[in-house]
Amino acid sequence: MSDVPKPTNGHNGQVRIGVYICHCGVNIAATVNVAELRDFIAKQPGVVIARDYKFMCSDPGQQLIKQDIANLKVNRVVVAACSPLMHELTFRLAAESAGVNRYLVQIANIREHCSWVHDDREAATKKAMALVNAAVRRVALHKPLQITKQPLNKATLIVGAGIAGIQAALEVANAGHHVYLVEREPSIGGRMGTFDKTFPTLDCAACILTPKMVSVGHRKDITLMSYAEVENVSGYIGNFKVKVRKKARFVDAEKCTGCGQCWSNCPATRIPSGRAIYMGKQLVNEISTKPKD
């Protein structure tokens, strides 16, 4: 049996919010008047306690949150500090260890979004008040969530088979996952297939690209769908469903040798109606693709 209390949805059905403001050393406190912010937010509806501390992410700072959950029956937590990318999980785990569902914790970013982008102390303090007050109003509407595990489809869809898409497909396939590579043009290679040299080393573009194109065709864990486009994506992370439309080629891809005779003799109307090869501004060769009589 675990000693961690079970998550709670509230105390007698009441929303009891604890707000904890971090000085972040001088990163926040040098620009935002933390005491004024604390006194303002303590008067907001649903807030039962508002505290400030030098470093809220430290063990003593987290302990303040845990003590208020135990002693004051706080069931919603707002932390006004740095970006949630830094310590959102830290504060969620602290609340969870004290018996509050981790998703009843809201972070108000008053460092990157406020103190670091302002030099006017009064204006920065007012903005911090708005940010924290918004977090208070939001967390009051939060509902507890539970973490569940779902089966994961590890197959990967890559849209676009230029050099970047090809390389990504090879890397993912090498990692042991099946890849579906979708390209809207009849051939893969993208822009790089039209280049002679690559910058800045002036290496041969085809010498780099061609082996990778061949590798894509030979890999059993890469399903290539050229001359196709993604029409619809549904589902969610780990279980997406993708609808891909394959365009009509009017040739048997299994028998095609790439000789190009179908291009010159096809009776279908196409735009553009001709192919031209230019050397600088001089026309070297032009092939008509108009239907023959």
Protein backbone atom coordinates (compact mmCIF):
# COMPACT_ATOMS: atom_id res chain seq x y z
CA MET A 1 0.00 0.00 0.00
CA SER A 2 1.21 3.50 -0.81
CA ASP A 3 1.48 6.19 1.86
CA VAL A 4 0.53 8.92 -0.66
CA PRO A 5 -3.01 10.21 -0.02
CA LYS A 6 -5.54 9.72 -2.78
CA PRO A 7 -6.23 12.77 -5.01
CA THR A 8 -9.09 14.94 -3.83
CA ASN A 9 -11.59 17.00 -5.80
CA GLY A 10 -12.17 19.54 -3.07
CA HIS A 11 -12.91 20.21 0.61
CA ASN A 12 -16.65 20.00 1.21
CA GLY A 13 -17.14 20.91 -2.43
CA GLN A 14 -15.35 24.27 -2.04
CA VAL A 15 -12.60 25.60 -4.26
CA ARG A 16 -9.67 26.48 -2.03
CA ILE A 17 -6.78 27.96 -3.98
CA GLY A 18 -3.25 28.43 -2.75
CA VAL A 19 -1.07 30.91 -4.66
CA TYR A 20 2.71 30.71 -4.42
CA ILE A 21 4.87 33.47 -5.89
CA CYS A 22 8.54 32.89 -6.61
CA HIS A 23 11.18 35.64 -6.41
CA CYS A 24 13.46 33.50 -8.59
CA GLY A 25 16.35 35.18 -6.85
CA VAL A 26 16.25 38.61 -8.44
CA ASN A 27 14.97 37.47 -11.83
CA ILE A 28 11.39 38.29 -10.89
CA ALA A 29 11.71 40.34 -7.70
CA ALA A 30 13.96 42.96 -9.32
CA THR A 31 11.20 43.96 -11.74
CA VAL A 32 7.94 42.83 -10.11
CA ASN A 33 6.82 44.10 -6.72
CA VAL A 34 6.24 40.64 -5.24
CA ALA A 35 4.75 41.88 -1.95
CA GLU A 36 2.18 44.03 -3.76
CA LEU A 37 1.36 41.12 -6.08
CA ARG A 38 0.93 38.77 -3.10
CA ASP A 39 -1.40 41.14 -1.24
CA PHE A 40 -3.50 41.73 -4.35
CA ILE A 41 -3.95 38.08 -5.23
CA ALA A 42 -4.77 37.12 -1.63
CA LYS A 43 -8.03 39.11 -1.95
CA GLN A 44 -9.28 37.25 -5.03
CA PRO A 45 -12.27 34.88 -4.83
CA GLY A 46 -11.37 31.32 -3.87
CA VAL A 47 -7.85 32.16 -2.69
CA VAL A 48 -7.30 30.97 0.88
CA ILE A 49 -3.56 31.63 1.07
CA ALA A 50 -0.98 33.59 -0.93
CA ARG A 51 2.70 33.24 -0.19
CA ASP A 52 5.98 34.35 -1.72
CA TYR A 53 9.36 32.67 -1.39
CA LYS A 54 12.88 33.22 -2.70
CA PHE A 55 12.97 29.97 -4.68
CA MET A 56 9.65 28.14 -4.87
CA CYS A 57 11.17 25.23 -6.79
CA SER A 58 13.50 24.42 -3.89
CA ASP A 59 12.59 21.75 -1.34
CA PRO A 60 11.53 24.36 1.31
CA GLY A 61 9.37 26.09 -1.32
CA GLN A 62 7.65 22.84 -2.28
CA GLN A 63 7.19 22.06 1.40
CA LEU A 64 5.15 25.27 1.79
CA ILE A 65 2.70 23.94 -0.76
CA LYS A 66 2.47 20.54 0.90
CA GLN A 67 1.91 22.07 4.34
CA ASP A 68 -0.93 24.29 3.12
CA ILE A 69 -2.60 21.35 1.41
CA ALA A 70 -2.49 19.45 4.68
CA ASN A 71 -3.28 22.29 7.10
CA LEU A 72 -5.45 24.70 5.09
CA LYS A 73 -7.16 22.10 2.87
CA VAL A 74 -5.89 23.77 -0.30
CA ASN A 75 -7.23 21.84 -3.29
CA ARG A 76 -6.06 24.05 -6.17
CA VAL A 77 -2.53 25.38 -6.61
CA VAL A 78 -1.26 28.34 -8.61
CA VAL A 79 2.49 28.88 -8.86
CA ALA A 80 3.65 32.24 -10.22
CA ALA A 81 7.20 31.63 -11.34
CA CYS A 82 9.15 30.77 -14.49
CA SER A 83 8.07 28.99 -17.66
CA PRO A 84 6.06 25.78 -17.13
CA LEU A 85 8.67 24.08 -19.30
CA MET A 86 11.05 24.46 -16.38
CA HIS A 87 9.18 23.31 -13.27
CA GLU A 88 5.54 22.52 -14.04
CA LEU A 89 6.16 18.81 -13.37
CA THR A 90 8.05 19.70 -10.18
CA PHE A 91 5.05 21.50 -8.69
CA ARG A 92 2.56 18.96 -9.99
CA LEU A 93 4.42 16.14 -8.28
CA ALA A 94 4.68 18.18 -5.08
CA ALA A 95 0.91 18.73 -5.02
CA GLU A 96 0.24 15.12 -5.92
CA SER A 97 2.44 13.84 -3.11
CA ALA A 98 0.28 15.86 -0.70
CA GLY A 99 -2.99 14.47 -2.06
CA VAL A 100 -4.06 16.98 -4.73
CA ASN A 101 -4.50 15.80 -8.29
CA ARG A 102 -1.53 16.99 -10.35
CA TYR A 103 -3.82 18.54 -12.97
CA LEU A 104 -5.27 20.94 -10.40
CA VAL A 105 -2.00 22.89 -10.57
CA GLN A 106 -1.67 25.97 -12.83
CA ILE A 107 1.55 27.82 -13.64
CA ALA A 108 1.58 31.59 -14.22
CA ASN A 109 4.73 32.58 -16.10
CA ILE A 110 5.76 35.93 -14.63
CA ARG A 111 9.43 35.59 -15.50
CA GLU A 112 9.78 35.09 -19.28
CA HIS A 113 6.38 36.68 -19.96
CA CYS A 114 6.74 39.58 -17.56
CA SER A 115 9.87 40.46 -15.59
CA TRP A 116 12.35 39.61 -18.33
CA VAL A 117 10.57 41.67 -21.00
CA HIS A 118 9.85 44.83 -18.97
CA ASP A 119 11.92 47.43 -17.19
CA ASP A 120 9.03 49.48 -15.79
CA ARG A 121 8.43 48.07 -12.31
CA GLU A 122 4.91 49.44 -11.95
CA ALA A 123 3.79 48.22 -15.35
CA ALA A 124 5.43 44.83 -14.80
CA THR A 125 3.68 44.45 -11.45
CA LYS A 126 0.28 45.22 -12.97
CA LYS A 127 0.91 42.70 -15.75
CA ALA A 128 1.95 40.09 -13.19
CA MET A 129 -1.30 40.72 -11.32
CA ALA A 130 -3.26 40.09 -14.50
CA LEU A 131 -1.35 36.91 -15.32
CA VAL A 132 -1.68 35.42 -11.84
CA ASN A 133 -5.33 36.44 -11.50
CA ALA A 134 -6.06 34.75 -14.82
CA ALA A 135 -4.37 31.59 -13.53
CA VAL A 136 -6.50 31.75 -10.36
CA ARG A 137 -9.72 32.05 -12.36
CA ARG A 138 -8.64 29.22 -14.63
CA VAL A 139 -7.56 26.71 -11.97
CA ALA A 140 -10.93 27.12 -10.26
CA LEU A 141 -12.49 25.46 -13.33
CA HIS A 142 -10.00 22.61 -13.56
CA LYS A 143 -11.17 19.05 -13.14
CA PRO A 144 -9.00 16.21 -11.86
CA LEU A 145 -7.63 13.88 -14.52
CA GLN A 146 -6.10 10.44 -14.22
CA ILE A 147 -3.17 9.13 -16.24
CA THR A 148 -4.03 6.11 -18.37
CA LYS A 149 -2.00 3.93 -20.69
CA GLN A 150 -3.08 3.26 -24.26
CA PRO A 151 -1.59 1.05 -26.97
CA LEU A 152 0.80 2.95 -29.22
CA ASN A 153 1.06 2.56 -32.97
CA LYS A 154 4.73 3.23 -33.64
CA ALA A 155 4.36 3.49 -37.43
CA THR A 156 5.38 6.94 -38.71
CA LEU A 157 3.93 9.02 -41.53
CA ILE A 158 6.30 11.38 -43.33
CA VAL A 159 4.79 13.83 -45.79
CA GLY A 160 7.14 14.94 -48.55
CA ALA A 161 9.95 12.83 -50.02
CA GLY A 162 12.55 15.47 -50.72
CA ILE A 163 16.02 14.97 -49.30
CA ALA A 164 14.79 15.89 -45.79
CA GLY A 165 11.84 13.46 -45.96
CA ILE A 166 14.02 10.70 -47.37
CA GLN A 167 16.65 11.11 -44.67
CA ALA A 168 13.97 11.24 -41.94
CA ALA A 169 12.39 8.05 -43.31
CA LEU A 170 15.73 6.24 -43.29
CA GLU A 171 16.52 7.39 -39.74
CA VAL A 172 13.11 6.30 -38.39
CA ALA A 173 13.32 2.98 -40.23
CA ASN A 174 16.79 2.39 -38.81
CA ALA A 175 15.29 2.93 -35.35
CA GLY A 176 13.00 -0.04 -35.97
CA HIS A 177 9.71 1.68 -36.83
CA HIS A 178 7.72 1.25 -40.03
CA VAL A 179 7.50 4.38 -42.18
CA TYR A 180 4.86 5.53 -44.64
CA LEU A 181 6.48 8.05 -46.98
CA VAL A 182 4.01 10.13 -49.00
CA GLU A 183 5.11 12.24 -51.98
CA ARG A 184 2.75 14.25 -54.19
CA GLU A 185 5.02 14.08 -57.25
CA PRO A 186 5.50 10.92 -59.37
CA SER A 187 9.14 10.69 -58.27
CA ILE A 188 10.89 11.29 -54.98
CA GLY A 189 13.92 13.53 -54.56
CA GLY A 190 12.29 16.94 -54.50
CA ARG A 191 14.28 20.08 -55.32
CA MET A 192 17.62 18.45 -54.77
CA GLY A 193 16.95 16.22 -57.76
CA THR A 194 17.10 19.31 -59.98
CA PHE A 195 20.45 20.55 -58.67
CA ASP A 196 23.88 19.94 -60.14
CA LYS A 197 26.01 20.87 -57.11
CA THR A 198 25.37 21.40 -53.42
CA PHE A 199 26.47 24.43 -51.40
CA PRO A 200 29.00 25.07 -49.96
CA THR A 201 31.17 22.06 -50.84
CA LEU A 202 30.00 21.84 -54.48
CA ASP A 203 29.56 18.08 -54.13
CA CYS A 204 27.52 16.33 -56.80
CA ALA A 205 23.84 16.55 -55.79
CA ALA A 206 22.91 13.33 -57.57
CA CYS A 207 25.80 11.47 -55.92
CA ILE A 208 24.31 12.29 -52.51
CA LEU A 209 20.65 11.92 -53.36
CA THR A 210 20.54 8.85 -55.62
CA PRO A 211 21.84 6.27 -53.10
CA LYS A 212 19.27 7.46 -50.58
CA MET A 213 16.47 7.24 -53.16
CA VAL A 214 17.51 3.68 -53.99
CA SER A 215 17.69 2.79 -50.30
CA VAL A 216 14.09 3.97 -49.79
CA GLY A 217 12.94 1.68 -52.58
CA HIS A 218 14.76 -1.33 -51.14
CA ARG A 219 13.72 -0.99 -47.51
CA LYS A 220 10.88 -3.30 -46.50
CA ASP A 221 10.10 -1.10 -43.51
CA ILE A 222 9.42 1.93 -45.72
CA THR A 223 6.16 2.02 -47.65
CA LEU A 224 6.55 4.58 -50.43
CA MET A 225 3.39 6.22 -51.77
CA SER A 226 4.46 8.54 -54.58
CA TYR A 227 2.02 10.57 -56.68
CA ALA A 228 -0.28 10.68 -53.66
CA GLU A 229 -1.59 13.29 -51.25
CA VAL A 230 -2.83 13.23 -47.64
CA GLU A 231 -6.54 14.08 -47.60
CA ASN A 232 -7.51 13.63 -43.98
CA VAL A 233 -5.91 13.07 -40.57
CA SER A 234 -7.95 11.98 -37.56
CA GLY A 235 -7.32 10.33 -34.21
CA TYR A 236 -4.85 11.33 -31.51
CA ILE A 237 -1.22 10.91 -30.49
CA GLY A 238 -0.25 7.26 -30.79
CA ASN A 239 -3.32 6.31 -32.79
CA PHE A 240 -3.72 8.51 -35.86
CA LYS A 241 -5.74 7.49 -38.90
CA VAL A 242 -4.63 9.02 -42.20
CA LYS A 243 -6.48 8.96 -45.52
CA VAL A 244 -4.14 9.08 -48.52
CA ARG A 245 -5.39 9.54 -52.09
CA LYS A 246 -3.29 7.93 -54.79
CA LYS A 247 -3.50 9.72 -58.12
CA ALA A 248 -4.14 7.78 -61.31
CA ARG A 249 -0.90 7.09 -63.21
CA PHE A 250 -2.44 5.46 -66.29
CA VAL A 251 0.57 3.16 -66.44
CA ASP A 252 1.42 -0.16 -64.83
CA ALA A 253 4.00 0.86 -62.24
CA GLU A 254 5.28 -2.73 -62.03
CA LYS A 255 6.13 -2.80 -65.75
CA CYS A 256 7.29 0.82 -66.19
CA THR A 257 10.97 1.19 -67.15
CA GLY A 258 10.99 5.00 -67.15
CA CYS A 259 11.76 5.27 -70.87
CA GLY A 260 9.55 8.36 -71.26
CA GLN A 261 7.72 7.22 -74.42
CA CYS A 262 4.37 7.53 -72.68
CA TRP A 263 5.06 11.22 -72.07
CA SER A 264 5.62 11.95 -75.76
CA ASN A 265 2.74 9.86 -77.09
CA CYS A 266 0.06 10.22 -74.43
CA PRO A 267 -3.20 11.60 -75.97
CA ALA A 268 -4.24 13.23 -72.70
CA THR A 269 -4.31 17.04 -72.44
CA ARG A 270 -1.70 18.33 -70.02
CA ILE A 271 -0.61 21.68 -68.64
CA PRO A 272 2.00 22.77 -69.58
CA SER A 273 1.76 21.39 -73.10
CA GLY A 274 5.51 21.14 -73.63
CA ARG A 275 8.83 20.61 -71.96
CA ALA A 276 11.74 22.90 -72.66
CA ILE A 277 15.41 22.61 -71.74
CA TYR A 278 17.28 25.90 -71.25
CA MET A 279 20.98 26.58 -70.97
CA GLY A 280 21.01 30.03 -69.38
CA LYS A 281 18.59 32.08 -71.52
CA GLN A 282 19.13 30.00 -74.65
CA LEU A 283 16.56 27.37 -75.64
CA VAL A 284 18.45 24.13 -76.28
CA ASN A 285 15.62 21.68 -76.93
CA GLU A 286 11.84 21.64 -76.85
CA ILE A 287 9.65 18.56 -76.78
CA SER A 288 6.01 18.96 -77.73
CA THR A 289 3.50 17.07 -75.65
CA LYS A 290 0.40 18.11 -77.57
CA PRO A 291 -1.83 15.25 -78.77
CA LYS A 292 -0.93 14.06 -82.25
CA ASP A 293 -3.54 14.00 -85.01
